Amino acid sequence: MSVKKTLLSLGALGVISAVAYLSLRKITPANKEKSEELIEAANNVKRAYTRLTENIEKLKNELPNSQQTIDDLTELVSEYQFKIQNNLNNISKIQDENRK
């Protein structure tokens, strides 16, 4: 009876070992794949963050240079608005007359 019990125990141990081995073999590539995807995603985030900080620095450097251009554009728009104000008033007057 003890030989039978030993053989059953060895058989059960063999089945459990086989199941464990197959499970690990199936799970490991999937986990490895997911780990590689996670590492790649983290690297993408790191690269994007680096590019963002570089672009922010470029913007900080260019902002003072662009202030003069912005002021010039604002002045031109104001001047143009002043020049066309008469025409805009005439258009508004014509629209009002057509509505009546």
C-alpha atoms as a PDB file:
ATOM      1  CA  MET A   1       0.000   0.000   0.000  1.00  0.00           C
ATOM      2  CA  SER A   2       2.824   2.428   0.673  1.00  0.00           C
ATOM      3  CA  VAL A   3       4.245   1.798  -2.822  1.00  0.00           C
ATOM      4  CA  LYS A   4       0.851   2.642  -4.296  1.00  0.00           C
ATOM      5  CA  LYS A   5       0.655   5.790  -2.156  1.00  0.00           C
ATOM      6  CA  THR A   6       4.169   6.818  -3.196  1.00  0.00           C
ATOM      7  CA  LEU A   7       3.377   6.310  -6.890  1.00  0.00           C
ATOM      8  CA  LEU A   8       0.169   8.344  -6.572  1.00  0.00           C
ATOM      9  CA  SER A   9       2.074  11.111  -4.791  1.00  0.00           C
ATOM     10  CA  LEU A  10       4.790  11.121  -7.464  1.00  0.00           C
ATOM     11  CA  GLY A  11       2.140  11.130 -10.188  1.00  0.00           C
ATOM     12  CA  ALA A  12       0.304  14.033  -8.570  1.00  0.00           C
ATOM     13  CA  LEU A  13       3.571  15.895  -8.113  1.00  0.00           C
ATOM     14  CA  GLY A  14       4.407  15.295 -11.776  1.00  0.00           C
ATOM     15  CA  VAL A  15       1.008  16.583 -12.932  1.00  0.00           C
ATOM     16  CA  ILE A  16       1.269  19.663 -10.704  1.00  0.00           C
ATOM     17  CA  SER A  17       4.805  20.294 -11.949  1.00  0.00           C
ATOM     18  CA  ALA A  18       3.713  19.933 -15.573  1.00  0.00           C
ATOM     19  CA  VAL A  19       0.773  22.305 -15.083  1.00  0.00           C
ATOM     20  CA  ALA A  20       2.991  24.820 -13.286  1.00  0.00           C
ATOM     21  CA  TYR A  21       5.637  24.620 -16.012  1.00  0.00           C
ATOM     22  CA  LEU A  22       3.094  25.080 -18.803  1.00  0.00           C
ATOM     23  CA  SER A  23       1.415  27.937 -16.954  1.00  0.00           C
ATOM     24  CA  LEU A  24       4.702  29.716 -16.425  1.00  0.00           C
ATOM     25  CA  ARG A  25       5.689  29.147 -19.990  1.00  0.00           C
ATOM     26  CA  LYS A  26       2.429  30.661 -21.254  1.00  0.00           C
ATOM     27  CA  ILE A  27       2.380  33.566 -18.822  1.00  0.00           C
ATOM     28  CA  THR A  28       6.010  34.591 -19.095  1.00  0.00           C
ATOM     29  CA  PRO A  29       5.969  35.690 -22.763  1.00  0.00           C
ATOM     30  CA  ALA A  30       2.760  37.648 -22.196  1.00  0.00           C
ATOM     31  CA  ASN A  31       4.204  39.324 -19.118  1.00  0.00           C
ATOM     32  CA  LYS A  32       7.453  39.952 -20.929  1.00  0.00           C
ATOM     33  CA  GLU A  33       5.535  41.497 -23.829  1.00  0.00           C
ATOM     34  CA  LYS A  34       3.522  43.701 -21.496  1.00  0.00           C
ATOM     35  CA  SER A  35       6.677  44.704 -19.652  1.00  0.00           C
ATOM     36  CA  GLU A  36       8.363  45.667 -22.912  1.00  0.00           C
ATOM     37  CA  GLU A  37       5.281  47.662 -23.956  1.00  0.00           C
ATOM     38  CA  LEU A  38       5.259  49.412 -20.588  1.00  0.00           C
ATOM     39  CA  ILE A  39       8.966  50.237 -20.857  1.00  0.00           C
ATOM     40  CA  GLU A  40       8.468  51.541 -24.410  1.00  0.00           C
ATOM     41  CA  ALA A  41       5.521  53.680 -23.289  1.00  0.00           C
ATOM     42  CA  ALA A  42       7.585  55.075 -20.415  1.00  0.00           C
ATOM     43  CA  ASN A  43      10.406  55.885 -22.837  1.00  0.00           C
ATOM     44  CA  ASN A  44       7.909  57.632 -25.150  1.00  0.00           C
ATOM     45  CA  VAL A  45       6.643  59.727 -22.254  1.00  0.00           C
ATOM     46  CA  LYS A  46      10.209  60.586 -21.262  1.00  0.00           C
ATOM     47  CA  ARG A  47      11.084  61.639 -24.833  1.00  0.00           C
ATOM     48  CA  ALA A  48       7.896  63.704 -25.102  1.00  0.00           C
ATOM     49  CA  TYR A  49       8.641  65.403 -21.773  1.00  0.00           C
ATOM     50  CA  THR A  50      12.182  66.199 -22.924  1.00  0.00           C
ATOM     51  CA  ARG A  51      10.902  67.692 -26.187  1.00  0.00           C
ATOM     52  CA  LEU A  52       8.294  69.689 -24.272  1.00  0.00           C
ATOM     53  CA  THR A  53      10.866  71.185 -21.909  1.00  0.00           C
ATOM     54  CA  GLU A  54      13.140  72.028 -24.854  1.00  0.00           C
ATOM     55  CA  ASN A  55      10.271  73.734 -26.686  1.00  0.00           C
ATOM     56  CA  ILE A  56       9.298  75.672 -23.564  1.00  0.00           C
ATOM     57  CA  GLU A  57      12.868  76.931 -23.291  1.00  0.00           C
ATOM     58  CA  LYS A  58      12.798  77.978 -26.949  1.00  0.00           C
ATOM     59  CA  LEU A  59       9.515  79.793 -26.348  1.00  0.00           C
ATOM     60  CA  LYS A  60      10.969  81.575 -23.315  1.00  0.00           C
ATOM     61  CA  ASN A  61      13.911  82.706 -25.444  1.00  0.00           C
ATOM     62  CA  GLU A  62      11.731  83.878 -28.347  1.00  0.00           C
ATOM     63  CA  LEU A  63       9.002  85.603 -26.335  1.00  0.00           C
ATOM     64  CA  PRO A  64      10.953  88.829 -25.693  1.00  0.00           C
ATOM     65  CA  ASN A  65      11.871  88.980 -29.397  1.00  0.00           C
ATOM     66  CA  SER A  66       8.276  88.549 -30.447  1.00  0.00           C
ATOM     67  CA  GLN A  67       6.944  91.311 -28.186  1.00  0.00           C
ATOM     68  CA  GLN A  68       8.109  93.995 -30.628  1.00  0.00           C
ATOM     69  CA  THR A  69       6.380  92.207 -33.500  1.00  0.00           C
ATOM     70  CA  ILE A  70       3.175  91.910 -31.476  1.00  0.00           C
ATOM     71  CA  ASP A  71       3.281  95.619 -30.671  1.00  0.00           C
ATOM     72  CA  ASP A  72       3.829  96.485 -34.336  1.00  0.00           C
ATOM     73  CA  LEU A  73       0.906  94.294 -35.403  1.00  0.00           C
ATOM     74  CA  THR A  74      -1.356  95.832 -32.781  1.00  0.00           C
ATOM     75  CA  GLU A  75      -0.454  99.294 -34.018  1.00  0.00           C
ATOM     76  CA  LEU A  76      -1.109  98.325 -37.645  1.00  0.00           C
ATOM     77  CA  VAL A  77      -4.477  96.805 -36.801  1.00  0.00           C
ATOM     78  CA  SER A  78      -5.488  99.918 -34.875  1.00  0.00           C
ATOM     79  CA  GLU A  79      -4.439 102.137 -37.766  1.00  0.00           C
ATOM     80  CA  TYR A  80      -6.271  99.997 -40.292  1.00  0.00           C
ATOM     81  CA  GLN A  81      -9.383  99.949 -38.071  1.00  0.00           C
ATOM     82  CA  PHE A  82      -9.273 103.754 -37.954  1.00  0.00           C
ATOM     83  CA  LYS A  83      -8.963 103.977 -41.765  1.00  0.00           C
ATOM     84  CA  ILE A  84     -11.892 101.670 -42.484  1.00  0.00           C
ATOM     85  CA  GLN A  85     -14.200 102.926 -39.733  1.00  0.00           C
ATOM     86  CA  ASN A  86     -15.940 105.313 -42.154  1.00  0.00           C
ATOM     87  CA  ASN A  87     -16.664 102.488 -44.564  1.00  0.00           C
ATOM     88  CA  LEU A  88     -17.958 100.281 -41.749  1.00  0.00           C
ATOM     89  CA  ASN A  89     -20.298 103.049 -40.636  1.00  0.00           C
ATOM     90  CA  ASN A  90     -21.630 103.445 -44.193  1.00  0.00           C
ATOM     91  CA  ILE A  91     -22.191  99.679 -44.481  1.00  0.00           C
ATOM     92  CA  SER A  92     -24.056  99.650 -41.173  1.00  0.00           C
ATOM     93  CA  LYS A  93     -26.224 102.580 -42.320  1.00  0.00           C
ATOM     94  CA  ILE A  94     -27.106 100.776 -45.573  1.00  0.00           C
ATOM     95  CA  GLN A  95     -27.964  97.596 -43.685  1.00  0.00           C
ATOM     96  CA  ASP A  96     -30.225  99.523 -41.325  1.00  0.00           C
ATOM     97  CA  GLU A  97     -32.028 101.157 -44.279  1.00  0.00           C
ATOM     98  CA  ASN A  98     -32.525  97.762 -45.973  1.00  0.00           C
ATOM     99  CA  ARG A  99     -34.051  96.257 -42.855  1.00  0.00           C
ATOM    100  CA  LYS A 100     -36.820  98.855 -42.829  1.00  0.00           C
END
